Amino acid sequence: MAAGGTSGGTRCPPALVTPGSWHPPPSPLQSLLERATAIEGELAQGQEKPFTEVTRCHSGDAVAAGRQPPAFLRQVAAVCAHPELLGDGSIPADAKNRAGRVLRRLQGGSPGAYNLEYVTDAVAEKVARYLERRDGGTPGDPRRVVPCGGTAAAMVDVLSLLVDAGSAVATGVLVPVPGPPLLGGATGLAGAVAVPYPLDEERGWAVDGRAVREALRRARDTCHPKVLCVVNPGDPTGHVLSRQNMEDVVRLVAEENLLLLADEVQQERAFLPGRPFLSFKRVLWEMGAPLSSAVQLVSFYSLSKGAGGGGFRAGFFELVNIDPSVLKCFYTWGLSVYPSILGQVMLESAMEPPLPSDPSFPAFEEHRQGLLRDLAHNARLVQEVLGRAPGIHCRPVQGGARAFPRIQLPPRAQRQARMLGLEPDVFFCQKLLEATGIVLAPGSEFGQPEGTHHVGLSLLLPAATLERVLLTLTRFHATFLRDFS
């Protein structure tokens, strides 16, 4: 597979060709963010623009969008970092009690120690009980849970175990397009080769088994595919997989002898009652033998896409039907760069949230429900506004924190973009930024079906800001079509 090439009619971020020699490809979004920062400096110096501020609408980062983690998590972590706060009357009693229990588990009564036992015992136990509740009683085992400092490095650790550095044939990892750039990055850092497979936009970004098998057929000429990555809920696509689609994926990996790597970090952002999040572990378990005991699965959870914030660097992954001896790798070198203990304190608190009888419960529950209400409202707003705009089409969003509308770009604009060495959607986003101050993520940041152009749009913005952005986008797009017709 050639770097920057296509597979199965799908354009994707640059593919990886030589294990161990990978370097991050240029990010289409990064250049836009750098220009946005420069524009902010120009505005501060008094330069006149058609707008008064830069509006960043690209990110899935809730905290950057102004949404702090629940107070309960921050209070527990604050007390652990500064135990003198145990006497602070402004902190609820249940938060102080929780912090007190954590402090008794920490070496030296401080999160400043490495505290490996706390991570691998106490936190893993709380995660296992959380998974049982999440999955309707499907058994959870703390011995198969690996708490980690966020999922980015953890994916590299997991994929590295599958790479045979002495083999003449590279290890292949199938990654969805569109999908998080993280997957291709982790694959490259692990010394493997990214094999893109296209999601089916017309079926709500479903995983198409025929497309996966075609990608496998092509890839086997140049590498040894071992892993199928599935992102659910989708990012940036905002889809939530149906049970039927998930069962089809399970059967596919069983037939093709692949490890299933489930990126489920957006699971707490599934907001449509009619399409709830189901974990691959639960679906696999409920499918029964022989699949439930044969298919190997690694699933990932991230605090940053749940109740917490990305800066706290906390998450976990769970190993299903994988030899327990593999865990020794993570406890010897996989955790050699220890996760932040304060992040793990917040993760443990999120796994066992306040009970209805606790004073922190009303605020904690309102925080959780409020986020889901806002995401659902903003998803409807996107459909309503963009649905009236000629040349823009957006599949209904069911979960996650982004919408991924498709935009029509005239041939003349596409030709001019190519002359400048740009992807057409990057060219569009540059023009939008200079004219309106709005930063969107170009679809080429995530990959997209060949011949289509998309933009990534955050649903985490305040509703009034999002409505203004959507109206501005539709007006600009109409002008863009006219100018380049």
Protein backbone atom coordinates (compact mmCIF):
# COMPACT_ATOMS: atom_id res chain seq x y z
CA MET A 1 0.00 0.00 0.00
CA ALA A 2 1.50 3.31 -1.01
CA ALA A 3 1.67 6.16 1.46
CA GLY A 4 -1.26 8.48 0.99
CA GLY A 5 -2.88 6.00 -1.38
CA THR A 6 -6.39 4.68 -1.61
CA SER A 7 -7.96 1.35 -0.85
CA GLY A 8 -11.40 0.23 -1.92
CA GLY A 9 -12.28 3.69 -3.28
CA THR A 10 -11.61 5.37 0.06
CA ARG A 11 -9.32 8.30 0.68
CA CYS A 12 -7.60 8.08 4.04
CA PRO A 13 -4.78 9.66 6.01
CA PRO A 14 -1.34 8.54 4.75
CA ALA A 15 -0.92 4.79 5.16
CA LEU A 16 2.09 3.24 6.84
CA VAL A 17 4.60 1.24 4.88
CA THR A 18 7.73 0.47 6.87
CA PRO A 19 7.39 -0.80 10.46
CA GLY A 20 9.55 1.19 12.84
CA SER A 21 10.06 4.11 10.43
CA TRP A 22 6.73 5.87 10.86
CA HIS A 23 6.47 9.60 11.37
CA PRO A 24 3.19 11.48 11.95
CA PRO A 25 1.73 12.72 8.64
CA PRO A 26 0.88 16.40 8.33
CA SER A 27 -2.45 17.19 9.95
CA PRO A 28 -4.88 19.15 7.74
CA LEU A 29 -6.50 20.50 10.90
CA GLN A 30 -3.24 21.63 12.50
CA SER A 31 -2.51 24.19 9.82
CA LEU A 32 -5.99 25.67 10.31
CA LEU A 33 -5.50 25.89 14.07
CA GLU A 34 -2.16 27.62 13.61
CA ARG A 35 -3.77 30.15 11.29
CA ALA A 36 -6.64 30.64 13.75
CA THR A 37 -4.13 31.49 16.49
CA ALA A 38 -2.41 33.95 14.18
CA ILE A 39 -5.75 35.59 13.36
CA GLU A 40 -6.48 35.96 17.06
CA GLY A 41 -3.17 37.81 17.37
CA GLU A 42 -4.07 40.04 14.44
CA LEU A 43 -7.43 40.88 16.01
CA ALA A 44 -5.72 41.71 19.30
CA GLN A 45 -3.44 44.12 17.42
CA GLY A 46 -6.46 45.94 16.00
CA GLN A 47 -6.48 44.58 12.46
CA GLU A 48 -9.90 44.81 10.87
CA LYS A 49 -11.62 41.56 9.92
CA PRO A 50 -15.15 40.68 8.79
CA PHE A 51 -15.61 39.21 12.30
CA THR A 52 -14.61 40.11 15.84
CA GLU A 53 -13.51 36.72 17.21
CA VAL A 54 -12.37 33.25 16.21
CA THR A 55 -14.90 30.50 16.95
CA ARG A 56 -13.36 27.03 17.26
CA CYS A 57 -15.97 24.46 16.30
CA HIS A 58 -13.81 21.44 15.54
CA SER A 59 -13.11 19.75 18.85
CA GLY A 60 -14.59 16.86 20.80
CA ASP A 61 -12.99 18.21 23.98
CA ALA A 62 -15.82 19.00 26.42
CA VAL A 63 -13.63 20.94 28.86
CA ALA A 64 -12.19 23.11 26.08
CA ALA A 65 -15.80 23.84 25.10
CA GLY A 66 -16.47 25.11 28.64
CA ARG A 67 -17.89 21.98 30.29
CA GLN A 68 -16.00 21.12 33.47
CA PRO A 69 -16.03 17.55 34.84
CA PRO A 70 -18.61 16.92 37.57
CA ALA A 71 -17.77 18.73 40.80
CA PHE A 72 -17.75 15.41 42.70
CA LEU A 73 -14.80 14.09 40.68
CA ARG A 74 -12.84 17.31 41.03
CA GLN A 75 -13.57 17.55 44.76
CA VAL A 76 -12.39 13.99 45.46
CA ALA A 77 -9.21 14.60 43.48
CA ALA A 78 -8.63 17.98 45.18
CA VAL A 79 -8.93 16.50 48.66
CA CYS A 80 -6.54 13.68 47.74
CA ALA A 81 -4.04 16.23 46.44
CA HIS A 82 -4.46 18.45 49.52
CA PRO A 83 -5.83 16.45 52.49
CA GLU A 84 -6.19 19.62 54.55
CA LEU A 85 -9.40 20.14 52.54
CA LEU A 86 -10.99 17.36 54.60
CA GLY A 87 -11.86 20.16 57.02
CA ASP A 88 -13.36 22.40 54.34
CA GLY A 89 -17.09 22.82 54.96
CA SER A 90 -17.79 23.75 51.33
CA ILE A 91 -16.98 20.24 50.10
CA PRO A 92 -19.85 17.73 50.45
CA ALA A 93 -19.43 15.00 53.04
CA ASP A 94 -19.66 12.15 50.50
CA ALA A 95 -16.81 13.62 48.44
CA LYS A 96 -14.64 13.93 51.55
CA ASN A 97 -15.54 10.41 52.67
CA ARG A 98 -14.63 9.03 49.25
CA ALA A 99 -11.34 10.92 49.27
CA GLY A 100 -10.58 9.62 52.75
CA ARG A 101 -11.04 6.02 51.59
CA VAL A 102 -8.78 6.63 48.61
CA LEU A 103 -6.08 8.25 50.73
CA ARG A 104 -5.97 5.19 52.96
CA ARG A 105 -5.17 3.08 49.86
CA LEU A 106 -2.37 5.34 48.63
CA GLN A 107 1.25 4.80 49.60
CA GLY A 108 2.26 7.49 52.03
CA GLY A 109 -1.32 8.72 51.93
CA SER A 110 -0.47 10.71 48.81
CA PRO A 111 -1.10 10.62 45.05
CA GLY A 112 2.52 11.69 44.70
CA ALA A 113 3.73 8.07 45.04
CA TYR A 114 3.70 5.71 42.06
CA ASN A 115 0.88 3.70 43.69
CA LEU A 116 0.94 0.78 41.25
CA GLU A 117 -1.04 -1.41 43.67
CA TYR A 118 -3.79 1.19 43.89
CA VAL A 119 -4.09 1.29 40.10
CA THR A 120 -3.99 -2.45 39.45
CA ASP A 121 -6.11 -3.48 42.46
CA ALA A 122 -8.51 -0.80 43.71
CA VAL A 123 -9.16 0.96 40.42
CA ALA A 124 -9.37 -2.26 38.40
CA GLU A 125 -11.91 -3.66 40.88
CA LYS A 126 -14.13 -0.59 40.58
CA VAL A 127 -13.90 -0.77 36.79
CA ALA A 128 -14.94 -4.43 36.76
CA ARG A 129 -18.03 -3.69 38.87
CA TYR A 130 -18.89 -0.75 36.58
CA LEU A 131 -18.64 -3.02 33.53
CA GLU A 132 -21.04 -5.52 35.10
CA ARG A 133 -23.63 -2.79 35.64
CA ARG A 134 -23.09 -1.34 32.18
CA ASP A 135 -23.47 -4.71 30.48
CA GLY A 136 -26.56 -5.96 32.28
CA GLY A 137 -24.76 -8.45 34.50
CA THR A 138 -22.20 -9.75 32.03
CA PRO A 139 -19.36 -10.86 34.35
CA GLY A 140 -16.49 -8.45 34.88
CA ASP A 141 -13.04 -9.55 36.03
CA PRO A 142 -10.60 -7.03 37.52
CA ARG A 143 -7.74 -9.31 36.49
CA ARG A 144 -8.56 -8.55 32.85
CA VAL A 145 -8.79 -4.77 33.29
CA VAL A 146 -5.79 -2.52 32.67
CA PRO A 147 -6.20 1.07 33.91
CA CYS A 148 -4.06 3.44 31.87
CA GLY A 149 -3.15 7.06 31.36
CA GLY A 150 -5.58 7.70 28.51
CA THR A 151 -6.09 5.48 25.49
CA ALA A 152 -3.57 6.88 22.99
CA ALA A 153 -0.46 5.27 24.48
CA ALA A 154 -2.44 2.20 25.57
CA MET A 155 -3.43 1.42 21.97
CA VAL A 156 0.21 1.57 20.97
CA ASP A 157 1.07 -0.85 23.80
CA VAL A 158 -1.65 -3.30 22.73
CA LEU A 159 -0.82 -3.20 19.03
CA SER A 160 2.91 -3.55 19.73
CA LEU A 161 2.27 -7.01 21.15
CA LEU A 162 0.98 -8.13 17.74
CA VAL A 163 3.97 -6.93 15.74
CA ASP A 164 6.72 -9.40 14.88
CA ALA A 165 9.68 -7.11 14.36
CA GLY A 166 11.68 -9.94 12.76
CA SER A 167 9.07 -10.78 10.16
CA ALA A 168 9.49 -9.76 6.55
CA VAL A 169 5.73 -9.23 6.37
CA ALA A 170 4.27 -6.24 8.21
CA THR A 171 1.34 -6.57 10.62
CA GLY A 172 -1.85 -5.03 9.25
CA VAL A 173 -4.47 -3.18 11.31
CA LEU A 174 -7.81 -2.41 9.67
CA VAL A 175 -9.00 1.08 10.61
CA PRO A 176 -12.35 2.70 9.71
CA VAL A 177 -12.61 5.63 7.36
CA PRO A 178 -13.83 8.11 8.50
CA GLY A 179 -12.34 7.56 11.93
CA PRO A 180 -10.18 9.10 14.64
CA PRO A 181 -6.64 9.95 13.43
CA LEU A 182 -5.48 8.34 16.70
CA LEU A 183 -5.97 4.85 15.23
CA GLY A 184 -3.60 5.37 12.33
CA GLY A 185 -1.13 7.12 14.63
CA ALA A 186 -1.14 4.29 17.18
CA THR A 187 -0.75 1.74 14.38
CA GLY A 188 2.30 3.52 13.01
CA LEU A 189 3.94 3.97 16.41
CA ALA A 190 3.45 0.26 17.08
CA GLY A 191 5.32 -0.57 13.87
CA ALA A 192 2.30 -1.90 11.99
CA VAL A 193 0.53 -0.92 8.75
CA ALA A 194 -2.84 0.87 8.66
CA VAL A 195 -5.35 -0.76 6.29
CA PRO A 196 -8.33 1.59 5.74
CA TYR A 197 -11.81 0.23 5.21
CA PRO A 198 -14.74 2.52 4.30
CA LEU A 199 -17.84 2.94 6.44
CA ASP A 200 -21.15 2.98 4.58
CA GLU A 201 -22.43 6.57 4.73
CA GLU A 202 -25.73 5.73 3.06
CA ARG A 203 -26.49 3.16 5.79
CA GLY A 204 -25.72 5.60 8.60
CA TRP A 205 -21.97 4.89 8.61
CA ALA A 206 -22.47 1.16 9.26
CA VAL A 207 -19.59 -1.30 9.13
CA ASP A 208 -19.98 -3.00 5.74
CA GLY A 209 -18.70 -6.57 5.90
CA ARG A 210 -18.15 -6.73 2.14
CA ALA A 211 -16.00 -3.60 2.25
CA VAL A 212 -13.96 -5.01 5.14
CA ARG A 213 -13.37 -8.28 3.30
CA GLU A 214 -12.35 -6.41 0.15
CA ALA A 215 -9.86 -4.36 2.19
CA LEU A 216 -8.55 -7.61 3.69
CA ARG A 217 -8.17 -9.19 0.25
CA ARG A 218 -6.16 -6.25 -1.03
CA ALA A 219 -4.05 -5.94 2.11
CA ARG A 220 -3.01 -9.60 2.18
CA ASP A 221 -0.87 -8.98 -0.90
CA THR A 222 1.44 -6.74 1.15
CA CYS A 223 0.88 -7.41 4.88
CA HIS A 224 -0.56 -9.81 7.43
CA PRO A 225 -3.81 -8.29 8.77
CA LYS A 226 -4.36 -9.25 12.42
CA VAL A 227 -6.68 -6.57 13.86
CA LEU A 228 -10.03 -5.02 13.02
CA CYS A 229 -10.64 -1.65 14.71
CA VAL A 230 -14.25 -0.55 15.18
CA VAL A 231 -15.23 2.82 16.65
CA ASN A 232 -18.61 2.90 18.44
CA PRO A 233 -20.11 5.45 18.90
CA GLY A 234 -18.45 6.81 15.80
CA ASP A 235 -16.11 9.78 15.71
CA PRO A 236 -16.46 12.05 13.76
CA THR A 237 -19.51 10.40 12.18
CA GLY A 238 -21.79 10.35 15.25
CA HIS A 239 -23.29 6.93 14.50
CA VAL A 240 -24.15 4.25 17.07
CA LEU A 241 -23.94 0.71 15.72
CA SER A 242 -27.05 -1.48 15.78
CA ARG A 243 -26.92 -4.84 17.55
CA GLN A 244 -27.31 -6.60 14.19
CA ASN A 245 -24.34 -4.75 12.71
CA MET A 246 -22.26 -5.59 15.80
CA GLU A 247 -23.17 -9.27 15.57
CA ASP A 248 -22.13 -9.23 11.92
CA VAL A 249 -18.77 -7.75 12.95
CA VAL A 250 -18.28 -10.45 15.58
CA ARG A 251 -18.94 -13.19 13.02
CA LEU A 252 -16.59 -11.51 10.55
CA VAL A 253 -13.63 -11.38 12.95
CA ALA A 254 -14.28 -14.99 13.94
CA GLU A 255 -14.27 -16.14 10.30
CA GLU A 256 -11.21 -14.07 9.40
CA ASN A 257 -9.30 -14.87 12.62
CA LEU A 258 -8.84 -11.22 13.63
CA LEU A 259 -8.48 -9.53 16.99
CA LEU A 260 -11.38 -7.11 17.52
CA LEU A 261 -10.20 -3.76 18.89
CA ALA A 262 -13.24 -1.76 20.01
CA ASP A 263 -12.74 1.97 20.48
CA GLU A 264 -15.74 2.64 22.73
CA VAL A 265 -14.50 5.86 24.30
CA GLN A 266 -17.61 7.84 23.26
CA GLN A 267 -19.99 5.39 24.97
CA GLU A 268 -21.33 7.88 27.51
CA ARG A 269 -22.32 10.24 24.70
CA ALA A 270 -24.97 8.00 23.09
CA PHE A 271 -28.04 10.21 23.48
CA LEU A 272 -30.87 8.63 21.45
CA PRO A 273 -33.11 6.31 23.52
CA GLY A 274 -33.95 4.33 20.39
CA ARG A 275 -30.28 3.57 19.66
CA PRO A 276 -28.57 2.92 23.01
CA PHE A 277 -24.89 2.10 23.29
CA LEU A 278 -24.13 -1.62 23.52
CA SER A 279 -20.61 -2.79 24.24
CA PHE A 280 -19.02 -5.40 22.01
CA LYS A 281 -18.31 -7.42 25.14
CA ARG A 282 -22.01 -7.59 25.99
CA VAL A 283 -23.04 -8.45 22.42
CA LEU A 284 -20.34 -11.11 22.23
CA TRP A 285 -21.43 -12.61 25.56
CA GLU A 286 -25.10 -12.67 24.58
CA MET A 287 -24.32 -14.35 21.25
CA GLY A 288 -23.27 -17.40 23.25
CA ALA A 289 -20.87 -20.23 22.54
CA PRO A 290 -18.75 -20.87 20.62
CA LEU A 291 -18.23 -17.20 19.69
CA SER A 292 -18.48 -15.87 23.26
CA SER A 293 -15.48 -17.95 24.32
CA ALA A 294 -13.45 -17.75 21.10
CA VAL A 295 -13.46 -14.19 19.73
CA GLN A 296 -10.62 -12.12 21.16
CA LEU A 297 -11.57 -8.55 22.07
CA VAL A 298 -9.82 -5.51 23.50
CA SER A 299 -12.15 -2.63 24.37
CA PHE A 300 -11.16 0.91 25.38
CA TYR A 301 -12.75 3.50 27.68
CA SER A 302 -11.51 7.06 28.18
CA LEU A 303 -12.37 9.42 31.03
CA SER A 304 -11.89 12.35 28.66
CA LYS A 305 -14.90 11.30 26.56
CA GLY A 306 -16.92 10.36 29.65
CA ALA A 307 -17.34 12.30 32.86
CA GLY A 308 -13.82 13.71 33.12
CA GLY A 309 -11.44 15.75 31.01
CA GLY A 310 -8.65 14.80 28.63
CA GLY A 311 -6.03 16.64 30.63
CA PHE A 312 -6.41 14.22 33.53
CA ARG A 313 -5.19 11.34 31.29
CA ALA A 314 -7.15 8.37 32.56
CA GLY A 315 -8.90 5.41 31.02
CA PHE A 316 -8.75 1.64 30.85
CA PHE A 317 -8.92 -1.27 28.48
CA GLU A 318 -10.37 -4.73 29.02
CA LEU A 319 -9.06 -8.01 27.59
CA VAL A 320 -11.68 -10.61 26.64
CA ASN A 321 -10.75 -14.22 25.72
CA ILE A 322 -7.07 -13.32 25.83
CA ASP A 323 -4.48 -15.32 27.76
CA PRO A 324 -4.12 -13.69 31.22
CA SER A 325 -0.34 -13.97 30.93
CA VAL A 326 -0.51 -11.09 28.43
CA LEU A 327 -1.37 -8.83 31.35
CA LYS A 328 2.14 -9.31 32.73
CA CYS A 329 3.42 -7.29 29.80
CA PHE A 330 1.36 -4.29 30.79
CA TYR A 331 2.20 -4.55 34.48
CA THR A 332 5.92 -4.72 33.75
CA TRP A 333 6.48 -2.40 30.78
CA GLY A 334 3.04 -1.25 29.66
CA LEU A 335 2.66 0.70 32.90
CA SER A 336 6.33 1.58 33.18
CA VAL A 337 5.31 5.17 32.51
CA TYR A 338 2.78 5.21 35.31
CA PRO A 339 -0.58 6.89 34.78
CA SER A 340 -1.40 10.04 36.68
CA ILE A 341 -2.71 8.97 40.09
CA LEU A 342 -5.05 11.96 40.34
CA GLY A 343 -6.48 10.90 36.98
CA GLN A 344 -6.95 7.38 38.36
CA VAL A 345 -8.67 8.82 41.44
CA MET A 346 -11.14 10.56 39.14
CA LEU A 347 -11.58 7.39 37.10
CA GLU A 348 -12.32 5.34 40.21
CA SER A 349 -14.84 7.98 41.36
CA ALA A 350 -16.53 7.95 37.94
CA MET A 351 -16.80 4.15 38.06
CA GLU A 352 -18.64 4.36 41.39
CA PRO A 353 -20.62 7.63 41.22
CA PRO A 354 -22.68 9.06 44.09
CA LEU A 355 -25.77 7.13 45.14
CA PRO A 356 -29.24 8.77 45.14
CA SER A 357 -28.95 9.14 48.93
CA ASP A 358 -25.64 11.06 48.69
CA PRO A 359 -25.56 14.88 48.77
CA SER A 360 -23.51 15.01 45.55
CA PHE A 361 -25.98 12.88 43.57
CA PRO A 362 -28.35 15.61 42.25
CA ALA A 363 -25.54 17.71 40.77
CA PHE A 364 -23.70 14.67 39.40
CA GLU A 365 -26.81 13.28 37.71
CA GLU A 366 -27.81 16.68 36.33
CA HIS A 367 -24.33 17.05 34.84
CA ARG A 368 -24.65 13.68 33.08
CA GLN A 369 -28.22 14.15 31.89
CA GLY A 370 -27.61 17.78 30.95
CA LEU A 371 -24.79 16.84 28.61
CA LEU A 372 -26.96 14.23 26.87
CA ARG A 373 -29.84 16.71 26.53
CA ASP A 374 -27.53 19.33 25.05
CA LEU A 375 -25.96 16.89 22.60
CA ALA A 376 -29.37 15.64 21.47
CA HIS A 377 -30.66 19.23 21.09
CA ASN A 378 -27.60 20.28 19.10
CA ALA A 379 -27.84 17.20 16.88
CA ARG A 380 -31.44 18.14 16.03
CA LEU A 381 -30.36 21.73 15.41
CA VAL A 382 -27.75 20.55 12.91
CA GLN A 383 -30.39 18.54 11.04
CA GLU A 384 -32.87 21.41 11.02
CA VAL A 385 -30.49 24.11 9.81
CA LEU A 386 -28.32 22.13 7.41
CA GLY A 387 -31.34 20.24 6.10
CA ARG A 388 -32.54 23.51 4.54
CA ALA A 389 -29.19 24.27 2.89
CA PRO A 390 -28.70 23.24 -0.76
CA GLY A 391 -25.46 21.36 -1.25
CA ILE A 392 -25.07 20.23 2.37
CA HIS A 393 -26.24 16.87 3.70
CA CYS A 394 -25.75 15.40 7.17
CA ARG A 395 -26.63 11.91 8.34
CA PRO A 396 -28.60 11.92 11.63
CA VAL A 397 -26.26 11.97 14.63
CA GLN A 398 -26.95 9.35 17.32
CA GLY A 399 -24.00 9.76 19.66
CA GLY A 400 -20.56 11.23 20.12
CA ALA A 401 -19.67 14.89 20.12
CA ARG A 402 -19.43 15.75 16.43
CA ALA A 403 -21.52 15.93 13.30
CA PHE A 404 -19.91 15.14 9.94
CA PRO A 405 -21.93 16.87 7.19
CA ARG A 406 -21.09 16.31 3.54
CA ILE A 407 -20.58 19.50 1.54
CA GLN A 408 -20.78 20.02 -2.20
CA LEU A 409 -17.68 21.69 -3.64
CA PRO A 410 -17.73 22.88 -7.29
CA PRO A 411 -15.18 21.40 -9.74
CA ARG A 412 -13.57 24.81 -10.16
CA ALA A 413 -12.92 25.05 -6.42
CA GLN A 414 -11.52 21.52 -6.41
CA ARG A 415 -9.14 22.36 -9.27
CA GLN A 416 -7.93 25.51 -7.53
CA ALA A 417 -7.35 23.56 -4.31
CA ARG A 418 -5.26 20.96 -6.16
CA MET A 419 -3.19 23.71 -7.76
CA LEU A 420 -2.41 24.96 -4.26
CA GLY A 421 -1.53 21.45 -3.09
CA LEU A 422 -4.57 21.27 -0.81
CA GLU A 423 -7.42 18.85 -0.31
CA PRO A 424 -10.63 20.58 -1.47
CA ASP A 425 -12.20 20.43 2.01
CA VAL A 426 -9.09 22.03 3.52
CA PHE A 427 -9.34 24.78 0.89
CA PHE A 428 -12.99 25.32 1.84
CA CYS A 429 -12.19 25.45 5.56
CA GLN A 430 -9.38 27.94 4.95
CA LYS A 431 -11.72 30.23 3.03
CA LEU A 432 -14.37 29.86 5.75
CA LEU A 433 -11.87 30.77 8.48
CA GLU A 434 -10.60 33.87 6.69
CA ALA A 435 -14.13 35.11 5.92
CA THR A 436 -15.95 34.25 9.16
CA GLY A 437 -13.44 33.31 11.88
CA ILE A 438 -15.02 29.83 12.17
CA VAL A 439 -12.74 26.81 12.54
CA LEU A 440 -14.14 23.49 11.29
CA ALA A 441 -12.24 20.22 10.96
CA PRO A 442 -11.78 19.23 7.30
CA GLY A 443 -13.03 15.76 6.49
CA SER A 444 -9.59 14.74 5.23
CA GLU A 445 -8.42 14.91 8.85
CA PHE A 446 -10.46 11.74 9.47
CA GLY A 447 -10.53 10.21 5.99
CA GLN A 448 -13.64 10.07 3.83
CA PRO A 449 -15.09 8.17 0.86
CA GLU A 450 -13.35 9.02 -2.40
CA GLY A 451 -15.06 11.85 -4.24
CA THR A 452 -16.84 13.22 -1.16
CA HIS A 453 -16.04 16.19 1.04
CA HIS A 454 -17.05 16.67 4.66
CA VAL A 455 -16.43 18.89 7.66
CA GLY A 456 -16.30 17.96 11.33
CA LEU A 457 -18.50 20.12 13.56
CA SER A 458 -18.56 20.04 17.37
CA LEU A 459 -21.88 19.44 19.16
CA LEU A 460 -20.39 20.61 22.47
CA LEU A 461 -20.87 24.29 21.72
CA PRO A 462 -23.59 26.27 23.51
CA ALA A 463 -26.77 26.00 21.44
CA ALA A 464 -26.84 29.73 20.63
CA THR A 465 -23.24 29.62 19.40
CA LEU A 466 -23.90 26.50 17.34
CA GLU A 467 -26.97 28.05 15.70
CA ARG A 468 -24.95 31.13 14.76
CA VAL A 469 -22.17 28.93 13.36
CA LEU A 470 -24.62 26.84 11.33
CA LEU A 471 -26.35 29.88 9.82
CA THR A 472 -23.00 31.46 9.00
CA LEU A 473 -21.80 28.21 7.45
CA THR A 474 -24.86 27.88 5.21
CA ARG A 475 -24.59 31.48 4.02
CA PHE A 476 -20.87 31.14 3.35
CA HIS A 477 -21.36 27.86 1.50
CA ALA A 478 -24.00 29.43 -0.76
CA THR A 479 -21.59 32.25 -1.58
CA PHE A 480 -18.77 29.75 -2.14
CA LEU A 481 -20.89 27.79 -4.62
CA ARG A 482 -21.76 30.98 -6.48
CA ASP A 483 -18.18 32.26 -6.56
CA PHE A 484 -16.75 29.00 -7.89
CA SER A 485 -19.61 28.01 -10.21
